[in-house]
Amino acid sequence: METTTAATTEKRLPRSAKTGRWSKRVLRANIPLILLFLPGALYFIIFKYVPMGGLMIAFKDYNFHDGVFGSPWVGMKHFDTIFSQPHTLNVIRNTVMLSLLNVFVGFPFPIILAILLNEVRRAWFKKTIQTIVYLPHFFSWVIIGGFVVTLFSMDSGTINHWIERWFGDSYPFLYKPLSWIAIYLGSGIWKEIGFGSIIYLAALTSIDPSLYESASLDGANKFRQIWHVTIPGISTTIILLFILSMGRVMEVGFDQIYVLQTPMVTDIADVISTYIYNTGLKGAQFSLTSALGMFESIVGLILVLSANAIARKYDRGLW
């Protein structure tokens, strides 16, 4: 009788009261999850969203005396400076070029490594290779830069030591644009290929083994199985990571460039991150470099939205 009365009373309650009671019940039930989510949300709010307010100095002649809000407003002056100076245009060109090379040259290597490791059947061998290829990710670029200099230095490099013995003259690997770009790409791939393959290895575990058996019964060799079963099985993960990588096209890492950079290759190795460091921090031109950083972020956003729009046409979009 009491249950019937409670149910009748629930039906008689206004819709807003039912919604409010349901919301409070759901809120109480999810308090542990909310508490777990809270630190992450606070991190992004404090360190990602709040600092966006500082972008206003891109439209001001910022100085320490007047502060962010008191500095004089100059509108689009700094953006005009960016697109009128040949040096800043060269910096943007270098950033785009090196980033696109990173994406289109370096992006397939973790996929290839994950597929190769997935085909290994001896567990001890697979774990050994994984440990070896994962290890460079945990080295700082200072250490990696030391390795690169030890190998490619013109005077004392290991490779040039053998080149001198065989051909008589050493080769300036770190001082020629093309060889420097090759070393830049190669060192980046070597450092991140192992760690980048982890997500693909996880995605490979979701593929149904019976698909390989069916392909084998149909006469497909190992290469055909990879092409028709493995790659389609992880295609969603590939597209997802590709969309995210497009958002970083304008973000060439500062550490790698700064460690490997030499005065002879400044024309191709000076990118937005190093320009902001040299001009913004050392030269105290905070407003100009903030405008350049804002331009970098806007281009990254446009590229992410464009890549996602293209992926959505094939029902593989991120959102």
C-alpha atoms as a PDB file:
ATOM      1  CA  MET A   1       0.000   0.000   0.000  1.00  0.00           C
ATOM      2  CA  GLU A   2       2.829   2.357   0.935  1.00  0.00           C
ATOM      3  CA  THR A   3       4.650   1.518  -2.303  1.00  0.00           C
ATOM      4  CA  THR A   4       1.538   2.288  -4.329  1.00  0.00           C
ATOM      5  CA  THR A   5       1.077   5.577  -2.493  1.00  0.00           C
ATOM      6  CA  ALA A   6       4.731   6.549  -3.098  1.00  0.00           C
ATOM      7  CA  ALA A   7       4.425   5.707  -6.779  1.00  0.00           C
ATOM      8  CA  THR A   8       1.193   7.702  -7.028  1.00  0.00           C
ATOM      9  CA  THR A   9       2.832  10.652  -5.273  1.00  0.00           C
ATOM     10  CA  GLU A  10       5.824  10.421  -7.660  1.00  0.00           C
ATOM     11  CA  LYS A  11       3.441  10.571 -10.637  1.00  0.00           C
ATOM     12  CA  ARG A  12       1.679  13.617  -9.183  1.00  0.00           C
ATOM     13  CA  LEU A  13       4.925  15.574  -8.714  1.00  0.00           C
ATOM     14  CA  PRO A  14       5.636  18.286 -11.299  1.00  0.00           C
ATOM     15  CA  ARG A  15       8.123  17.414 -14.031  1.00  0.00           C
ATOM     16  CA  SER A  16      10.700  19.892 -12.669  1.00  0.00           C
ATOM     17  CA  ALA A  17      10.555  18.270  -9.218  1.00  0.00           C
ATOM     18  CA  LYS A  18      11.094  14.789 -10.722  1.00  0.00           C
ATOM     19  CA  THR A  19      14.076  16.065 -12.724  1.00  0.00           C
ATOM     20  CA  GLY A  20      15.577  17.762  -9.689  1.00  0.00           C
ATOM     21  CA  ARG A  21      15.189  14.660  -7.520  1.00  0.00           C
ATOM     22  CA  TRP A  22      16.706  12.450 -10.251  1.00  0.00           C
ATOM     23  CA  SER A  23      19.632  14.847 -10.728  1.00  0.00           C
ATOM     24  CA  LYS A  24      20.425  14.885  -7.006  1.00  0.00           C
ATOM     25  CA  ARG A  25      20.290  11.084  -6.863  1.00  0.00           C
ATOM     26  CA  VAL A  26      22.629  10.754  -9.850  1.00  0.00           C
ATOM     27  CA  LEU A  27      24.957  13.399  -8.384  1.00  0.00           C
ATOM     28  CA  ARG A  28      25.208  11.565  -5.043  1.00  0.00           C
ATOM     29  CA  ALA A  29      25.839   8.252  -6.793  1.00  0.00           C
ATOM     30  CA  ASN A  30      28.685   9.708  -8.864  1.00  0.00           C
ATOM     31  CA  ILE A  31      30.489  11.688  -6.160  1.00  0.00           C
ATOM     32  CA  PRO A  32      33.546   9.335  -6.219  1.00  0.00           C
ATOM     33  CA  LEU A  33      33.871   9.726  -9.992  1.00  0.00           C
ATOM     34  CA  ILE A  34      33.501  13.502  -9.734  1.00  0.00           C
ATOM     35  CA  LEU A  35      36.260  13.646  -7.113  1.00  0.00           C
ATOM     36  CA  LEU A  36      38.535  11.631  -9.414  1.00  0.00           C
ATOM     37  CA  PHE A  37      37.737  13.942 -12.316  1.00  0.00           C
ATOM     38  CA  LEU A  38      38.222  17.144 -10.303  1.00  0.00           C
ATOM     39  CA  PRO A  39      42.074  17.274 -10.228  1.00  0.00           C
ATOM     40  CA  GLY A  40      42.274  16.863 -14.004  1.00  0.00           C
ATOM     41  CA  ALA A  41      39.604  19.507 -14.560  1.00  0.00           C
ATOM     42  CA  LEU A  42      41.388  21.933 -12.218  1.00  0.00           C
ATOM     43  CA  TYR A  43      44.680  21.347 -14.020  1.00  0.00           C
ATOM     44  CA  PHE A  44      43.204  22.280 -17.396  1.00  0.00           C
ATOM     45  CA  ILE A  45      41.297  25.248 -15.985  1.00  0.00           C
ATOM     46  CA  ILE A  46      44.265  26.713 -14.078  1.00  0.00           C
ATOM     47  CA  PHE A  47      47.105  25.955 -16.482  1.00  0.00           C
ATOM     48  CA  LYS A  48      45.335  25.867 -19.875  1.00  0.00           C
ATOM     49  CA  TYR A  49      42.210  28.039 -19.895  1.00  0.00           C
ATOM     50  CA  VAL A  50      43.060  30.814 -17.415  1.00  0.00           C
ATOM     51  CA  PRO A  51      46.374  31.662 -19.179  1.00  0.00           C
ATOM     52  CA  MET A  52      44.398  32.266 -22.379  1.00  0.00           C
ATOM     53  CA  GLY A  53      43.481  35.626 -20.877  1.00  0.00           C
ATOM     54  CA  GLY A  54      47.100  36.640 -21.342  1.00  0.00           C
ATOM     55  CA  LEU A  55      46.623  36.536 -25.117  1.00  0.00           C
ATOM     56  CA  MET A  56      45.323  40.076 -24.886  1.00  0.00           C
ATOM     57  CA  ILE A  57      48.952  41.298 -24.778  1.00  0.00           C
ATOM     58  CA  ALA A  58      49.169  40.243 -28.445  1.00  0.00           C
ATOM     59  CA  PHE A  59      47.003  43.300 -29.107  1.00  0.00           C
ATOM     60  CA  LYS A  60      48.944  45.597 -26.755  1.00  0.00           C
ATOM     61  CA  ASP A  61      52.426  47.065 -26.331  1.00  0.00           C
ATOM     62  CA  TYR A  62      53.005  45.139 -23.145  1.00  0.00           C
ATOM     63  CA  ASN A  63      55.430  46.399 -20.508  1.00  0.00           C
ATOM     64  CA  PHE A  64      56.044  45.359 -16.909  1.00  0.00           C
ATOM     65  CA  HIS A  65      55.247  48.803 -15.490  1.00  0.00           C
ATOM     66  CA  ASP A  66      51.693  49.045 -16.857  1.00  0.00           C
ATOM     67  CA  GLY A  67      50.957  45.318 -16.670  1.00  0.00           C
ATOM     68  CA  VAL A  68      48.608  43.245 -18.797  1.00  0.00           C
ATOM     69  CA  PHE A  69      45.549  45.472 -18.363  1.00  0.00           C
ATOM     70  CA  GLY A  70      47.296  48.858 -18.296  1.00  0.00           C
ATOM     71  CA  SER A  71      49.518  48.480 -21.353  1.00  0.00           C
ATOM     72  CA  PRO A  72      48.443  50.571 -24.382  1.00  0.00           C
ATOM     73  CA  TRP A  73      46.189  48.925 -26.950  1.00  0.00           C
ATOM     74  CA  VAL A  74      47.670  48.703 -30.476  1.00  0.00           C
ATOM     75  CA  GLY A  75      45.220  46.377 -32.219  1.00  0.00           C
ATOM     76  CA  MET A  76      46.663  44.298 -35.074  1.00  0.00           C
ATOM     77  CA  LYS A  77      50.059  46.025 -35.107  1.00  0.00           C
ATOM     78  CA  HIS A  78      52.056  42.964 -34.061  1.00  0.00           C
ATOM     79  CA  PHE A  79      50.280  40.700 -36.536  1.00  0.00           C
ATOM     80  CA  ASP A  80      51.149  43.175 -39.300  1.00  0.00           C
ATOM     81  CA  THR A  81      54.764  43.006 -38.145  1.00  0.00           C
ATOM     82  CA  ILE A  82      54.773  39.210 -38.274  1.00  0.00           C
ATOM     83  CA  PHE A  83      53.526  39.052 -41.849  1.00  0.00           C
ATOM     84  CA  SER A  84      55.661  41.942 -43.100  1.00  0.00           C
ATOM     85  CA  GLN A  85      59.074  40.815 -41.807  1.00  0.00           C
ATOM     86  CA  PRO A  86      60.943  38.291 -43.995  1.00  0.00           C
ATOM     87  CA  HIS A  87      62.545  36.670 -40.945  1.00  0.00           C
ATOM     88  CA  THR A  88      59.244  35.835 -39.222  1.00  0.00           C
ATOM     89  CA  LEU A  89      57.817  34.507 -42.471  1.00  0.00           C
ATOM     90  CA  ASN A  90      60.902  32.287 -42.795  1.00  0.00           C
ATOM     91  CA  VAL A  91      60.368  31.082 -39.207  1.00  0.00           C
ATOM     92  CA  ILE A  92      56.773  30.130 -40.002  1.00  0.00           C
ATOM     93  CA  ARG A  93      57.877  28.374 -43.201  1.00  0.00           C
ATOM     94  CA  ASN A  94      60.523  26.375 -41.314  1.00  0.00           C
ATOM     95  CA  THR A  95      57.997  25.380 -38.659  1.00  0.00           C
ATOM     96  CA  VAL A  96      55.446  24.155 -41.189  1.00  0.00           C
ATOM     97  CA  MET A  97      58.054  22.325 -43.268  1.00  0.00           C
ATOM     98  CA  LEU A  98      59.679  20.472 -40.351  1.00  0.00           C
ATOM     99  CA  SER A  99      56.312  19.670 -38.779  1.00  0.00           C
ATOM    100  CA  LEU A 100      54.867  18.244 -41.992  1.00  0.00           C
ATOM    101  CA  LEU A 101      58.002  16.167 -42.463  1.00  0.00           C
ATOM    102  CA  ASN A 102      57.598  14.892 -38.899  1.00  0.00           C
ATOM    103  CA  VAL A 103      53.970  13.965 -39.535  1.00  0.00           C
ATOM    104  CA  PHE A 104      54.237  12.355 -42.961  1.00  0.00           C
ATOM    105  CA  VAL A 105      57.688  10.775 -42.579  1.00  0.00           C
ATOM    106  CA  GLY A 106      57.607   9.848 -38.895  1.00  0.00           C
ATOM    107  CA  PHE A 107      53.916   8.976 -38.470  1.00  0.00           C
ATOM    108  CA  PRO A 108      53.994   5.529 -40.203  1.00  0.00           C
ATOM    109  CA  PHE A 109      56.994   4.172 -38.229  1.00  0.00           C
ATOM    110  CA  PRO A 110      55.165   3.404 -34.934  1.00  0.00           C
ATOM    111  CA  ILE A 111      52.450   1.640 -36.963  1.00  0.00           C
ATOM    112  CA  ILE A 112      55.021  -0.495 -38.781  1.00  0.00           C
ATOM    113  CA  LEU A 113      56.824  -1.328 -35.526  1.00  0.00           C
ATOM    114  CA  ALA A 114      53.559  -2.291 -33.797  1.00  0.00           C
ATOM    115  CA  ILE A 115      52.593  -4.594 -36.671  1.00  0.00           C
ATOM    116  CA  LEU A 116      56.038  -6.216 -36.685  1.00  0.00           C
ATOM    117  CA  LEU A 117      55.980  -6.747 -32.920  1.00  0.00           C
ATOM    118  CA  ASN A 118      52.474  -8.177 -33.176  1.00  0.00           C
ATOM    119  CA  GLU A 119      53.756 -10.842 -35.569  1.00  0.00           C
ATOM    120  CA  VAL A 120      56.507 -11.965 -33.174  1.00  0.00           C
ATOM    121  CA  ARG A 121      55.570 -15.240 -31.510  1.00  0.00           C
ATOM    122  CA  ARG A 122      58.440 -15.674 -29.047  1.00  0.00           C
ATOM    123  CA  ALA A 123      57.494 -13.727 -25.918  1.00  0.00           C
ATOM    124  CA  TRP A 124      61.069 -13.241 -24.624  1.00  0.00           C
ATOM    125  CA  PHE A 125      62.232 -11.798 -27.940  1.00  0.00           C
ATOM    126  CA  LYS A 126      59.209  -9.517 -28.191  1.00  0.00           C
ATOM    127  CA  LYS A 127      59.700  -8.153 -24.658  1.00  0.00           C
ATOM    128  CA  THR A 128      63.400  -7.577 -25.265  1.00  0.00           C
ATOM    129  CA  ILE A 129      62.773  -5.598 -28.462  1.00  0.00           C
ATOM    130  CA  GLN A 130      60.011  -3.594 -26.786  1.00  0.00           C
ATOM    131  CA  THR A 131      62.309  -2.636 -23.907  1.00  0.00           C
ATOM    132  CA  ILE A 132      65.064  -1.563 -26.301  1.00  0.00           C
ATOM    133  CA  VAL A 133      62.817   0.592 -28.499  1.00  0.00           C
ATOM    134  CA  TYR A 134      60.874   2.113 -25.565  1.00  0.00           C
ATOM    135  CA  LEU A 135      63.992   3.205 -23.687  1.00  0.00           C
ATOM    136  CA  PRO A 136      64.975   6.285 -25.785  1.00  0.00           C
ATOM    137  CA  HIS A 137      61.627   7.939 -25.000  1.00  0.00           C
ATOM    138  CA  PHE A 138      62.736   8.380 -21.389  1.00  0.00           C
ATOM    139  CA  PHE A 139      66.001  10.118 -22.333  1.00  0.00           C
ATOM    140  CA  SER A 140      66.005  13.918 -22.386  1.00  0.00           C
ATOM    141  CA  TRP A 141      66.937  15.694 -25.608  1.00  0.00           C
ATOM    142  CA  VAL A 142      70.169  16.814 -23.967  1.00  0.00           C
ATOM    143  CA  ILE A 143      71.249  13.161 -23.788  1.00  0.00           C
ATOM    144  CA  ILE A 144      69.979  12.427 -27.301  1.00  0.00           C
ATOM    145  CA  GLY A 145      71.835  15.506 -28.549  1.00  0.00           C
ATOM    146  CA  GLY A 146      75.004  14.157 -26.972  1.00  0.00           C
ATOM    147  CA  PHE A 147      74.522  10.881 -28.856  1.00  0.00           C
ATOM    148  CA  VAL A 148      73.992  12.750 -32.127  1.00  0.00           C
ATOM    149  CA  VAL A 149      77.095  14.910 -31.661  1.00  0.00           C
ATOM    150  CA  THR A 150      79.149  11.852 -30.720  1.00  0.00           C
ATOM    151  CA  LEU A 151      78.078  10.161 -33.948  1.00  0.00           C
ATOM    152  CA  PHE A 152      77.969  13.033 -36.458  1.00  0.00           C
ATOM    153  CA  SER A 153      80.417  15.663 -35.203  1.00  0.00           C
ATOM    154  CA  MET A 154      82.787  16.811 -37.936  1.00  0.00           C
ATOM    155  CA  ASP A 155      85.915  16.761 -35.780  1.00  0.00           C
ATOM    156  CA  SER A 156      85.393  13.896 -33.343  1.00  0.00           C
ATOM    157  CA  GLY A 157      82.297  12.062 -34.611  1.00  0.00           C
ATOM    158  CA  THR A 158      82.405   8.284 -34.865  1.00  0.00           C
ATOM    159  CA  ILE A 159      80.942   8.220 -38.385  1.00  0.00           C
ATOM    160  CA  ASN A 160      83.323  10.901 -39.652  1.00  0.00           C
ATOM    161  CA  HIS A 161      86.233   8.961 -38.163  1.00  0.00           C
ATOM    162  CA  TRP A 162      85.462   6.073 -40.514  1.00  0.00           C
ATOM    163  CA  ILE A 163      84.695   8.397 -43.447  1.00  0.00           C
ATOM    164  CA  GLU A 164      88.129   9.989 -43.038  1.00  0.00           C
ATOM    165  CA  ARG A 165      89.797   6.602 -42.996  1.00  0.00           C
ATOM    166  CA  TRP A 166      87.977   5.446 -46.134  1.00  0.00           C
ATOM    167  CA  PHE A 167      87.670   8.650 -48.197  1.00  0.00           C
ATOM    168  CA  GLY A 168      90.176  11.048 -46.653  1.00  0.00           C
ATOM    169  CA  ASP A 169      87.749  13.917 -45.844  1.00  0.00           C
ATOM    170  CA  SER A 170      85.062  14.260 -43.194  1.00  0.00           C
ATOM    171  CA  TYR A 171      81.522  15.408 -43.980  1.00  0.00           C
ATOM    172  CA  PRO A 172      79.786  18.247 -42.052  1.00  0.00           C
ATOM    173  CA  PHE A 173      76.538  16.419 -41.256  1.00  0.00           C
ATOM    174  CA  LEU A 174      75.381  18.996 -38.693  1.00  0.00           C
ATOM    175  CA  TYR A 175      76.273  21.971 -40.901  1.00  0.00           C
ATOM    176  CA  LYS A 176      74.547  21.061 -44.165  1.00  0.00           C
ATOM    177  CA  PRO A 177      70.771  21.738 -44.428  1.00  0.00           C
ATOM    178  CA  LEU A 178      69.757  18.424 -46.017  1.00  0.00           C
ATOM    179  CA  SER A 179      71.852  16.223 -43.734  1.00  0.00           C
ATOM    180  CA  TRP A 180      70.725  18.244 -40.696  1.00  0.00           C
ATOM    181  CA  ILE A 181      67.063  17.696 -41.620  1.00  0.00           C
ATOM    182  CA  ALA A 182      67.717  13.958 -42.046  1.00  0.00           C
ATOM    183  CA  ILE A 183      69.403  13.804 -38.618  1.00  0.00           C
ATOM    184  CA  TYR A 184      66.551  15.821 -37.089  1.00  0.00           C
ATOM    185  CA  LEU A 185      63.921  13.451 -38.474  1.00  0.00           C
ATOM    186  CA  GLY A 186      65.903  10.316 -37.715  1.00  0.00           C
ATOM    187  CA  SER A 187      66.635  11.247 -34.107  1.00  0.00           C
ATOM    188  CA  GLY A 188      62.988  12.129 -33.503  1.00  0.00           C
ATOM    189  CA  ILE A 189      61.771   8.844 -34.976  1.00  0.00           C
ATOM    190  CA  TRP A 190      64.352   6.846 -33.006  1.00  0.00           C
ATOM    191  CA  LYS A 191      63.356   8.525 -29.754  1.00  0.00           C
ATOM    192  CA  GLU A 192      59.577   8.192 -30.059  1.00  0.00           C
ATOM    193  CA  ILE A 193      58.933   5.169 -32.274  1.00  0.00           C
ATOM    194  CA  GLY A 194      58.727   2.704 -29.389  1.00  0.00           C
ATOM    195  CA  PHE A 195      56.487   4.760 -27.149  1.00  0.00           C
ATOM    196  CA  GLY A 196      54.285   5.733 -30.085  1.00  0.00           C
ATOM    197  CA  SER A 197      53.679   2.092 -30.954  1.00  0.00           C
ATOM    198  CA  ILE A 198      52.079   1.308 -27.558  1.00  0.00           C
ATOM    199  CA  ILE A 199      48.637   2.600 -28.573  1.00  0.00           C
ATOM    200  CA  TYR A 200      48.715   0.627 -31.828  1.00  0.00           C
ATOM    201  CA  LEU A 201      49.754  -2.547 -29.989  1.00  0.00           C
ATOM    202  CA  ALA A 202      46.771  -2.066 -27.678  1.00  0.00           C
ATOM    203  CA  ALA A 203      44.486  -1.587 -30.692  1.00  0.00           C
ATOM    204  CA  LEU A 204      45.838  -4.762 -32.311  1.00  0.00           C
ATOM    205  CA  THR A 205      44.666  -6.852 -29.347  1.00  0.00           C
ATOM    206  CA  SER A 206      41.043  -5.996 -30.206  1.00  0.00           C
ATOM    207  CA  ILE A 207      41.199  -7.684 -33.625  1.00  0.00           C
ATOM    208  CA  ASP A 208      39.351 -11.016 -33.714  1.00  0.00           C
ATOM    209  CA  PRO A 209      41.892 -13.855 -34.328  1.00  0.00           C
ATOM    210  CA  SER A 210      39.279 -15.729 -36.356  1.00  0.00           C
ATOM    211  CA  LEU A 211      39.653 -13.093 -39.076  1.00  0.00           C
ATOM    212  CA  TYR A 212      43.244 -14.187 -39.614  1.00  0.00           C
ATOM    213  CA  GLU A 213      42.173 -17.823 -39.722  1.00  0.00           C
ATOM    214  CA  SER A 214      39.518 -17.035 -42.322  1.00  0.00           C
ATOM    215  CA  ALA A 215      41.998 -15.046 -44.408  1.00  0.00           C
ATOM    216  CA  SER A 216      44.509 -17.902 -44.196  1.00  0.00           C
ATOM    217  CA  LEU A 217      41.893 -20.428 -45.346  1.00  0.00           C
ATOM    218  CA  ASP A 218      41.141 -18.152 -48.286  1.00  0.00           C
ATOM    219  CA  GLY A 219      44.792 -18.347 -49.315  1.00  0.00           C
ATOM    220  CA  ALA A 220      45.988 -14.976 -48.030  1.00  0.00           C
ATOM    221  CA  ASN A 221      49.682 -14.864 -47.167  1.00  0.00           C
ATOM    222  CA  LYS A 222      51.051 -12.907 -44.190  1.00  0.00           C
ATOM    223  CA  PHE A 223      51.371  -9.657 -46.137  1.00  0.00           C
ATOM    224  CA  ARG A 224      47.771  -9.948 -47.394  1.00  0.00           C
ATOM    225  CA  GLN A 225      46.545 -10.647 -43.872  1.00  0.00           C
ATOM    226  CA  ILE A 226      48.257  -7.503 -42.607  1.00  0.00           C
ATOM    227  CA  TRP A 227      46.881  -5.422 -45.484  1.00  0.00           C
ATOM    228  CA  HIS A 228      43.293  -6.696 -45.361  1.00  0.00           C
ATOM    229  CA  VAL A 229      42.847  -7.540 -41.649  1.00  0.00           C
ATOM    230  CA  THR A 230      45.420  -5.803 -39.440  1.00  0.00           C
ATOM    231  CA  ILE A 231      45.452  -2.323 -40.958  1.00  0.00           C
ATOM    232  CA  PRO A 232      41.636  -2.058 -41.316  1.00  0.00           C
ATOM    233  CA  GLY A 233      41.342  -3.296 -37.721  1.00  0.00           C
ATOM    234  CA  ILE A 234      43.385  -0.380 -36.374  1.00  0.00           C
ATOM    235  CA  SER A 235      42.319   2.195 -38.957  1.00  0.00           C
ATOM    236  CA  THR A 236      40.129   4.064 -36.429  1.00  0.00           C
ATOM    237  CA  THR A 237      43.104   4.453 -34.084  1.00  0.00           C
ATOM    238  CA  ILE A 238      45.337   5.560 -36.964  1.00  0.00           C
ATOM    239  CA  ILE A 239      42.873   8.242 -38.043  1.00  0.00           C
ATOM    240  CA  LEU A 240      42.344   9.418 -34.462  1.00  0.00           C
ATOM    241  CA  LEU A 241      46.085   9.866 -33.848  1.00  0.00           C
ATOM    242  CA  PHE A 242      46.559  11.457 -37.260  1.00  0.00           C
ATOM    243  CA  ILE A 243      43.906  14.080 -36.478  1.00  0.00           C
ATOM    244  CA  LEU A 244      45.615  14.828 -33.160  1.00  0.00           C
ATOM    245  CA  SER A 245      49.015  15.045 -34.859  1.00  0.00           C
ATOM    246  CA  MET A 246      47.658  17.589 -37.343  1.00  0.00           C
ATOM    247  CA  GLY A 247      46.903  19.861 -34.397  1.00  0.00           C
ATOM    248  CA  ARG A 248      50.620  19.860 -33.597  1.00  0.00           C
ATOM    249  CA  VAL A 249      51.778  20.790 -37.093  1.00  0.00           C
ATOM    250  CA  MET A 250      52.730  24.274 -35.903  1.00  0.00           C
ATOM    251  CA  GLU A 251      54.388  22.977 -32.733  1.00  0.00           C
ATOM    252  CA  VAL A 252      57.933  21.869 -33.456  1.00  0.00           C
ATOM    253  CA  GLY A 253      59.480  20.830 -30.159  1.00  0.00           C
ATOM    254  CA  PHE A 254      61.830  23.421 -28.686  1.00  0.00           C
ATOM    255  CA  ASP A 255      64.193  20.955 -26.981  1.00  0.00           C
ATOM    256  CA  GLN A 256      65.088  18.946 -30.064  1.00  0.00           C
ATOM    257  CA  ILE A 257      65.616  21.978 -32.295  1.00  0.00           C
ATOM    258  CA  TYR A 258      67.593  23.900 -29.676  1.00  0.00           C
ATOM    259  CA  VAL A 259      69.913  20.979 -28.891  1.00  0.00           C
ATOM    260  CA  LEU A 260      70.604  20.039 -32.525  1.00  0.00           C
ATOM    261  CA  GLN A 261      70.710  23.566 -33.939  1.00  0.00           C
ATOM    262  CA  THR A 262      74.007  24.964 -35.249  1.00  0.00           C
ATOM    263  CA  PRO A 263      74.742  28.484 -36.554  1.00  0.00           C
ATOM    264  CA  MET A 264      75.263  27.147 -40.089  1.00  0.00           C
ATOM    265  CA  VAL A 265      71.675  25.801 -40.370  1.00  0.00           C
ATOM    266  CA  THR A 266      69.788  28.669 -38.716  1.00  0.00           C
ATOM    267  CA  ASP A 267      68.018  29.435 -42.002  1.00  0.00           C
ATOM    268  CA  ILE A 268      66.137  26.131 -41.801  1.00  0.00           C
ATOM    269  CA  ALA A 269      66.343  25.359 -38.050  1.00  0.00           C
ATOM    270  CA  ASP A 270      64.933  28.606 -36.646  1.00  0.00           C
ATOM    271  CA  VAL A 271      61.287  27.798 -35.830  1.00  0.00           C
ATOM    272  CA  ILE A 272      58.506  29.448 -33.857  1.00  0.00           C
ATOM    273  CA  SER A 273      59.547  27.936 -30.512  1.00  0.00           C
ATOM    274  CA  THR A 274      63.178  29.071 -30.827  1.00  0.00           C
ATOM    275  CA  TYR A 275      62.080  32.470 -32.168  1.00  0.00           C
ATOM    276  CA  ILE A 276      59.809  32.972 -29.151  1.00  0.00           C
ATOM    277  CA  TYR A 277      62.681  32.028 -26.837  1.00  0.00           C
ATOM    278  CA  ASN A 278      65.252  34.310 -28.494  1.00  0.00           C
ATOM    279  CA  THR A 279      62.980  37.250 -29.326  1.00  0.00           C
ATOM    280  CA  GLY A 280      60.329  37.006 -26.619  1.00  0.00           C
ATOM    281  CA  LEU A 281      62.296  35.939 -23.558  1.00  0.00           C
ATOM    282  CA  LYS A 282      65.784  37.192 -24.390  1.00  0.00           C
ATOM    283  CA  GLY A 283      64.666  40.239 -26.353  1.00  0.00           C
ATOM    284  CA  ALA A 284      61.668  41.030 -24.086  1.00  0.00           C
ATOM    285  CA  GLN A 285      59.309  41.454 -27.076  1.00  0.00           C
ATOM    286  CA  PHE A 286      56.447  39.731 -25.310  1.00  0.00           C
ATOM    287  CA  SER A 287      53.606  41.176 -27.362  1.00  0.00           C
ATOM    288  CA  LEU A 288      55.136  40.243 -30.717  1.00  0.00           C
ATOM    289  CA  THR A 289      55.843  36.655 -29.702  1.00  0.00           C
ATOM    290  CA  SER A 290      52.405  36.334 -28.077  1.00  0.00           C
ATOM    291  CA  ALA A 291      50.866  37.319 -31.412  1.00  0.00           C
ATOM    292  CA  LEU A 292      52.995  34.687 -33.141  1.00  0.00           C
ATOM    293  CA  GLY A 293      51.977  32.061 -30.554  1.00  0.00           C
ATOM    294  CA  MET A 294      48.313  32.976 -31.042  1.00  0.00           C
ATOM    295  CA  PHE A 295      48.691  32.603 -34.802  1.00  0.00           C
ATOM    296  CA  GLU A 296      50.304  29.191 -34.224  1.00  0.00           C
ATOM    297  CA  SER A 297      47.374  28.032 -32.079  1.00  0.00           C
ATOM    298  CA  ILE A 298      44.747  29.273 -34.557  1.00  0.00           C
ATOM    299  CA  VAL A 299      46.426  27.436 -37.445  1.00  0.00           C
ATOM    300  CA  GLY A 300      46.612  24.268 -35.337  1.00  0.00           C
ATOM    301  CA  LEU A 301      42.899  24.521 -34.531  1.00  0.00           C
ATOM    302  CA  ILE A 302      42.012  24.995 -38.199  1.00  0.00           C
ATOM    303  CA  LEU A 303      44.081  21.954 -39.186  1.00  0.00           C
ATOM    304  CA  VAL A 304      42.422  19.769 -36.540  1.00  0.00           C
ATOM    305  CA  LEU A 305      38.945  20.854 -37.616  1.00  0.00           C
ATOM    306  CA  SER A 306      39.815  20.286 -41.292  1.00  0.00           C
ATOM    307  CA  ALA A 307      41.297  16.828 -40.684  1.00  0.00           C
ATOM    308  CA  ASN A 308      38.276  15.842 -38.600  1.00  0.00           C
ATOM    309  CA  ALA A 309      35.861  17.127 -41.267  1.00  0.00           C
ATOM    310  CA  ILE A 310      37.594  14.995 -43.891  1.00  0.00           C
ATOM    311  CA  ALA A 311      37.553  11.943 -41.586  1.00  0.00           C
ATOM    312  CA  ARG A 312      33.837  12.431 -40.881  1.00  0.00           C
ATOM    313  CA  LYS A 313      33.061  11.959 -44.564  1.00  0.00           C
ATOM    314  CA  TYR A 314      34.273   8.384 -44.099  1.00  0.00           C
ATOM    315  CA  ASP A 315      32.518   7.986 -40.703  1.00  0.00           C
ATOM    316  CA  ARG A 316      35.842   8.044 -38.839  1.00  0.00           C
ATOM    317  CA  GLY A 317      35.766  11.527 -37.299  1.00  0.00           C
ATOM    318  CA  LEU A 318      36.915  12.256 -33.773  1.00  0.00           C
ATOM    319  CA  TRP A 319      33.671  14.124 -33.013  1.00  0.00           C
END
